[in-house]
Amino acid sequence: MDSKRVLLAIQEKLKWEGRKARIEERLVRIRERKGQLLHQIEETRNRIAQLVTLSAVAETERPPTESALRIDSLR
């Protein structure tokens, strides 16, 4: 085998190994970010559920005329 071809093959192998390592590092960062975003989405959903519950409780505590005014003003 020609020494130039061997050297070229080794260089190509090292290049692809480096590329593979960079891709794996990027995937790790993407997966970490995905986990963070899913956690934030879950927190947001929980907060929305809390606010909806509080809104429903506040709505039942108001006199009927205020509720009717509020609903009519939204239309």
C-alpha atoms as a PDB file:
ATOM      1  CA  MET A   1       0.000   0.000   0.000  1.00  0.00           C
ATOM      2  CA  ASP A   2       1.162   3.473  -0.794  1.00  0.00           C
ATOM      3  CA  SER A   3       2.156   5.520   2.274  1.00  0.00           C
ATOM      4  CA  LYS A   4       0.277   8.552   0.934  1.00  0.00           C
ATOM      5  CA  ARG A   5      -2.942   6.578   0.802  1.00  0.00           C
ATOM      6  CA  VAL A   6      -2.430   5.288   4.330  1.00  0.00           C
ATOM      7  CA  LEU A   7      -1.779   8.813   5.584  1.00  0.00           C
ATOM      8  CA  LEU A   8      -4.869  10.107   3.756  1.00  0.00           C
ATOM      9  CA  ALA A   9      -6.995   7.304   5.197  1.00  0.00           C
ATOM     10  CA  ILE A  10      -5.775   8.096   8.718  1.00  0.00           C
ATOM     11  CA  GLN A  11      -6.492  11.796   8.224  1.00  0.00           C
ATOM     12  CA  GLU A  12      -9.995  11.057   6.951  1.00  0.00           C
ATOM     13  CA  LYS A  13     -10.635   8.739   9.876  1.00  0.00           C
ATOM     14  CA  LEU A  14      -9.511  11.412  12.362  1.00  0.00           C
ATOM     15  CA  LYS A  15     -11.629  14.022  10.603  1.00  0.00           C
ATOM     16  CA  TRP A  16     -14.753  11.848  10.829  1.00  0.00           C
ATOM     17  CA  GLU A  17     -14.056  10.922  14.455  1.00  0.00           C
ATOM     18  CA  GLY A  18     -13.797  14.626  15.307  1.00  0.00           C
ATOM     19  CA  ARG A  19     -17.003  15.341  13.443  1.00  0.00           C
ATOM     20  CA  LYS A  20     -18.762  12.504  15.250  1.00  0.00           C
ATOM     21  CA  ALA A  21     -17.576  13.815  18.641  1.00  0.00           C
ATOM     22  CA  ARG A  22     -18.856  17.327  17.837  1.00  0.00           C
ATOM     23  CA  ILE A  23     -22.227  15.942  16.745  1.00  0.00           C
ATOM     24  CA  GLU A  24     -22.519  13.877  19.937  1.00  0.00           C
ATOM     25  CA  GLU A  25     -21.678  16.936  22.075  1.00  0.00           C
ATOM     26  CA  ARG A  26     -24.299  18.964  20.240  1.00  0.00           C
ATOM     27  CA  LEU A  27     -26.895  16.228  20.763  1.00  0.00           C
ATOM     28  CA  VAL A  28     -26.156  16.235  24.491  1.00  0.00           C
ATOM     29  CA  ARG A  29     -26.683  20.024  24.630  1.00  0.00           C
ATOM     30  CA  ILE A  30     -29.890  19.742  22.586  1.00  0.00           C
ATOM     31  CA  ARG A  31     -31.256  17.014  24.869  1.00  0.00           C
ATOM     32  CA  GLU A  32     -30.421  19.086  27.953  1.00  0.00           C
ATOM     33  CA  ARG A  33     -32.165  22.122  26.459  1.00  0.00           C
ATOM     34  CA  LYS A  34     -35.162  19.978  25.519  1.00  0.00           C
ATOM     35  CA  GLY A  35     -35.427  18.799  29.125  1.00  0.00           C
ATOM     36  CA  GLN A  36     -35.279  22.376  30.381  1.00  0.00           C
ATOM     37  CA  LEU A  37     -37.968  23.498  27.929  1.00  0.00           C
ATOM     38  CA  LEU A  38     -40.250  20.581  28.792  1.00  0.00           C
ATOM     39  CA  HIS A  39     -39.870  21.491  32.460  1.00  0.00           C
ATOM     40  CA  GLN A  40     -40.726  25.131  31.718  1.00  0.00           C
ATOM     41  CA  ILE A  41     -43.768  24.044  29.690  1.00  0.00           C
ATOM     42  CA  GLU A  42     -44.984  21.889  32.570  1.00  0.00           C
ATOM     43  CA  GLU A  43     -44.500  24.765  35.034  1.00  0.00           C
ATOM     44  CA  THR A  44     -46.418  27.074  32.703  1.00  0.00           C
ATOM     45  CA  ARG A  45     -49.266  24.584  32.342  1.00  0.00           C
ATOM     46  CA  ASN A  46     -49.458  24.240  36.119  1.00  0.00           C
ATOM     47  CA  ARG A  47     -49.509  28.014  36.533  1.00  0.00           C
ATOM     48  CA  ILE A  48     -52.264  28.376  33.931  1.00  0.00           C
ATOM     49  CA  ALA A  49     -54.306  25.711  35.733  1.00  0.00           C
ATOM     50  CA  GLN A  50     -53.844  27.609  39.004  1.00  0.00           C
ATOM     51  CA  LEU A  51     -54.939  30.885  37.421  1.00  0.00           C
ATOM     52  CA  VAL A  52     -57.976  29.276  35.789  1.00  0.00           C
ATOM     53  CA  THR A  53     -58.967  27.795  39.148  1.00  0.00           C
ATOM     54  CA  LEU A  54     -58.506  31.126  40.909  1.00  0.00           C
ATOM     55  CA  SER A  55     -60.474  32.871  38.196  1.00  0.00           C
ATOM     56  CA  ALA A  56     -63.323  30.384  38.504  1.00  0.00           C
ATOM     57  CA  VAL A  57     -63.388  30.810  42.288  1.00  0.00           C
ATOM     58  CA  ALA A  58     -63.340  34.593  41.985  1.00  0.00           C
ATOM     59  CA  GLU A  59     -66.100  34.437  39.367  1.00  0.00           C
ATOM     60  CA  THR A  60     -68.400  32.464  41.697  1.00  0.00           C
ATOM     61  CA  GLU A  61     -67.781  34.911  44.544  1.00  0.00           C
ATOM     62  CA  ARG A  62     -68.966  37.930  42.526  1.00  0.00           C
ATOM     63  CA  PRO A  63     -72.581  39.001  42.484  1.00  0.00           C
ATOM     64  CA  PRO A  64     -74.416  37.817  39.334  1.00  0.00           C
ATOM     65  CA  THR A  65     -74.705  41.347  37.903  1.00  0.00           C
ATOM     66  CA  GLU A  66     -70.962  41.854  37.894  1.00  0.00           C
ATOM     67  CA  SER A  67     -70.449  38.501  36.171  1.00  0.00           C
ATOM     68  CA  ALA A  68     -73.045  39.351  33.549  1.00  0.00           C
ATOM     69  CA  LEU A  69     -71.439  42.718  32.903  1.00  0.00           C
ATOM     70  CA  ARG A  70     -68.047  41.168  32.567  1.00  0.00           C
ATOM     71  CA  ILE A  71     -69.288  38.521  30.102  1.00  0.00           C
ATOM     72  CA  ASP A  72     -71.202  41.095  28.061  1.00  0.00           C
ATOM     73  CA  SER A  73     -68.185  43.372  27.889  1.00  0.00           C
ATOM     74  CA  LEU A  74     -66.100  40.555  26.376  1.00  0.00           C
ATOM     75  CA  ARG A  75     -68.448  40.058  23.448  1.00  0.00           C
END
